[in-house]
Amino acid sequence: MADPQPGAKAEKLPQSILFCCDHNSVRSPMAEGIAKKLYGVSAYLQSAGLRNDREIDGFSISVCAEIGVELSLHRSRSFEEMSEIGDDLSSYDMIVALSPASHAAALDLTRGTHTVVEFWPITDPSGAGETREAKLDAYRQTRGEILGHLENRWQAA
């Protein structure tokens, strides 16, 4: 599915969405948290990464707190860990991949299933900026990209 054009009518929110990226420490937890704030309990919203080798990023926590989204309790998890606890990727109506690598993996792991996989090219802010304020600005830009995609894609709850 293509992203809706600005001003186009948003679609109805799927019942379950998994946001994914590389480490589940920056982009995907931000997307999960912002989506939960926007859509509440209208859908089952989770996030995961190809790997869970990093804790939630402190800059992600900070910029999401600025808009009332709590991420400090987020625990990173991987596709493999999800599978081990019986949370299969194919059980989601939609997977929104926020990195090229997670997009490829999600397509491969859901091949032959009903799950819709979309790619949103969201900027990884983790290496940007020299100063604290420059880093925060980069994370705010990523937060804005995520928020824009969510608001353009689905109707408000």
Protein backbone atom coordinates (compact mmCIF):
# COMPACT_ATOMS: atom_id res chain seq x y z
CA MET A 1 0.00 0.00 0.00
CA ALA A 2 1.21 3.47 -0.76
CA ASP A 3 1.27 6.18 1.84
CA PRO A 4 -1.70 8.50 1.48
CA GLN A 5 -1.04 11.87 -0.07
CA PRO A 6 -1.28 14.91 2.22
CA GLY A 7 -4.91 15.89 2.47
CA ALA A 8 -6.13 12.42 1.40
CA LYS A 9 -8.72 10.72 3.59
CA ALA A 10 -7.04 8.49 6.17
CA GLU A 11 -7.86 4.78 6.31
CA LYS A 12 -9.30 2.89 9.24
CA LEU A 13 -6.75 1.67 11.78
CA PRO A 14 -5.96 -2.08 11.56
CA GLN A 15 -6.76 -4.16 14.67
CA SER A 16 -3.10 -5.01 15.31
CA ILE A 17 0.11 -3.28 14.23
CA LEU A 18 3.74 -4.13 14.93
CA PHE A 19 6.30 -1.34 14.43
CA CYS A 20 9.81 -2.61 13.81
CA CYS A 21 13.34 -1.37 13.23
CA ASP A 22 16.87 -2.64 13.82
CA HIS A 23 17.28 -2.64 17.63
CA ASN A 24 13.88 -1.68 19.07
CA SER A 25 15.56 1.13 20.98
CA VAL A 26 14.79 4.35 19.03
CA ARG A 27 12.33 4.46 16.12
CA SER A 28 10.00 1.53 16.74
CA PRO A 29 9.40 2.24 20.46
CA MET A 30 8.76 5.89 19.55
CA ALA A 31 6.23 4.77 16.92
CA GLU A 32 4.57 2.36 19.34
CA GLY A 33 4.32 4.96 22.10
CA ILE A 34 3.06 7.76 19.85
CA ALA A 35 0.52 5.42 18.21
CA LYS A 36 -0.77 4.34 21.64
CA LYS A 37 -1.19 8.01 22.58
CA LEU A 38 -3.07 8.76 19.34
CA TYR A 39 -5.19 5.62 19.10
CA GLY A 40 -5.49 4.42 22.69
CA VAL A 41 -7.03 0.98 22.85
CA SER A 42 -8.46 1.08 19.32
CA ALA A 43 -5.77 -1.36 18.19
CA TYR A 44 -3.17 -3.74 19.60
CA LEU A 45 0.10 -1.83 19.12
CA GLN A 46 3.56 -3.27 19.76
CA SER A 47 7.16 -2.89 18.60
CA ALA A 48 10.18 -5.09 18.04
CA GLY A 49 13.56 -5.11 16.36
CA LEU A 50 15.77 -7.45 14.42
CA ARG A 51 17.85 -7.58 17.60
CA ASN A 52 17.25 -6.55 21.20
CA ASP A 53 20.85 -5.75 22.00
CA ARG A 54 20.25 -2.19 23.21
CA GLU A 55 18.20 -0.54 25.92
CA ILE A 56 15.67 2.17 25.11
CA ASP A 57 17.53 5.29 23.99
CA GLY A 58 17.52 8.19 26.46
CA PHE A 59 17.01 10.80 23.75
CA SER A 60 13.93 8.89 22.54
CA ILE A 61 12.59 8.92 26.08
CA SER A 62 13.20 12.67 26.36
CA VAL A 63 11.62 13.80 23.10
CA CYS A 64 8.60 11.57 23.59
CA ALA A 65 8.11 12.85 27.15
CA GLU A 66 7.87 16.35 25.62
CA ILE A 67 4.60 15.28 23.97
CA GLY A 68 3.29 13.19 26.87
CA VAL A 69 4.47 9.77 25.67
CA GLU A 70 6.11 7.60 28.34
CA LEU A 71 8.90 5.33 27.05
CA SER A 72 11.12 4.86 30.11
CA LEU A 73 9.55 1.48 30.94
CA HIS A 74 9.96 0.10 27.40
CA ARG A 75 11.89 -3.17 27.19
CA SER A 76 13.52 -3.92 23.83
CA ARG A 77 12.61 -7.21 22.18
CA SER A 78 13.57 -8.98 18.98
CA PHE A 79 11.61 -10.91 16.36
CA GLU A 80 13.23 -14.09 17.73
CA GLU A 81 12.16 -13.30 21.29
CA MET A 82 8.61 -12.63 20.10
CA SER A 83 8.52 -16.01 18.38
CA GLU A 84 9.85 -17.76 21.51
CA ILE A 85 6.93 -16.43 23.57
CA GLY A 86 4.35 -17.26 20.90
CA ASP A 87 3.88 -13.72 19.55
CA ASP A 88 4.23 -14.59 15.87
CA LEU A 89 4.70 -11.80 13.32
CA SER A 90 2.03 -13.32 11.10
CA SER A 91 -0.56 -12.78 13.84
CA TYR A 92 -0.46 -9.00 13.19
CA ASP A 93 -2.72 -7.39 10.61
CA MET A 94 0.07 -5.00 9.68
CA ILE A 95 3.77 -4.59 10.25
CA VAL A 96 5.24 -1.13 9.75
CA ALA A 97 8.98 -1.39 9.16
CA LEU A 98 10.98 1.75 9.89
CA SER A 99 14.34 0.56 8.54
CA PRO A 100 15.31 -1.24 5.31
CA ALA A 101 16.71 -4.26 7.15
CA SER A 102 13.60 -4.74 9.30
CA HIS A 103 11.44 -4.35 6.18
CA ALA A 104 13.29 -7.15 4.41
CA ALA A 105 13.09 -9.41 7.48
CA ALA A 106 9.38 -8.72 8.03
CA LEU A 107 8.61 -9.53 4.39
CA ASP A 108 10.58 -12.77 4.64
CA LEU A 109 9.05 -13.84 7.98
CA THR A 110 5.46 -13.17 6.86
CA ARG A 111 5.69 -14.57 3.32
CA GLY A 112 2.50 -16.49 2.54
CA THR A 113 0.47 -14.92 5.36
CA HIS A 114 -2.28 -12.30 5.48
CA THR A 115 -0.02 -9.75 7.19
CA VAL A 116 0.44 -6.47 5.33
CA VAL A 117 4.01 -5.13 5.52
CA GLU A 118 4.70 -1.45 4.88
CA PHE A 119 7.98 0.45 4.83
CA TRP A 120 8.13 3.97 6.25
CA PRO A 121 11.61 5.45 5.64
CA ILE A 122 12.06 7.06 9.06
CA THR A 123 15.42 8.72 9.75
CA ASP A 124 17.61 7.05 12.39
CA PRO A 125 18.72 9.96 14.61
CA SER A 126 21.10 7.97 16.80
CA GLY A 127 24.30 9.18 15.15
CA ALA A 128 23.26 12.77 14.52
CA GLY A 129 24.41 15.93 16.27
CA GLU A 130 27.49 16.91 18.23
CA THR A 131 25.82 18.70 21.15
CA ARG A 132 22.96 17.58 23.37
CA GLU A 133 20.63 20.13 21.79
CA ALA A 134 21.62 19.07 18.25
CA LYS A 135 20.95 15.44 19.17
CA LEU A 136 17.57 16.35 20.67
CA ASP A 137 16.69 18.26 17.50
CA ALA A 138 17.50 15.18 15.39
CA TYR A 139 15.31 13.01 17.61
CA ARG A 140 12.51 15.60 17.45
CA GLN A 141 12.71 15.45 13.65
CA THR A 142 12.36 11.67 13.76
CA ARG A 143 9.45 12.00 16.18
CA GLY A 144 7.84 14.42 13.74
CA GLU A 145 8.32 12.03 10.82
CA ILE A 146 6.63 9.24 12.78
CA LEU A 147 3.78 11.49 13.91
CA GLY A 148 3.24 12.71 10.35
CA HIS A 149 3.04 9.18 8.96
CA LEU A 150 0.62 8.08 11.66
CA GLU A 151 -1.68 11.08 11.28
CA ASN A 152 -1.67 10.85 7.47
CA ARG A 153 -2.20 7.08 7.43
CA TRP A 154 -5.04 6.50 9.89
CA GLN A 155 -8.11 8.18 11.23
CA ALA A 156 -7.93 9.44 14.79
CA ALA A 157 -9.45 7.15 17.39
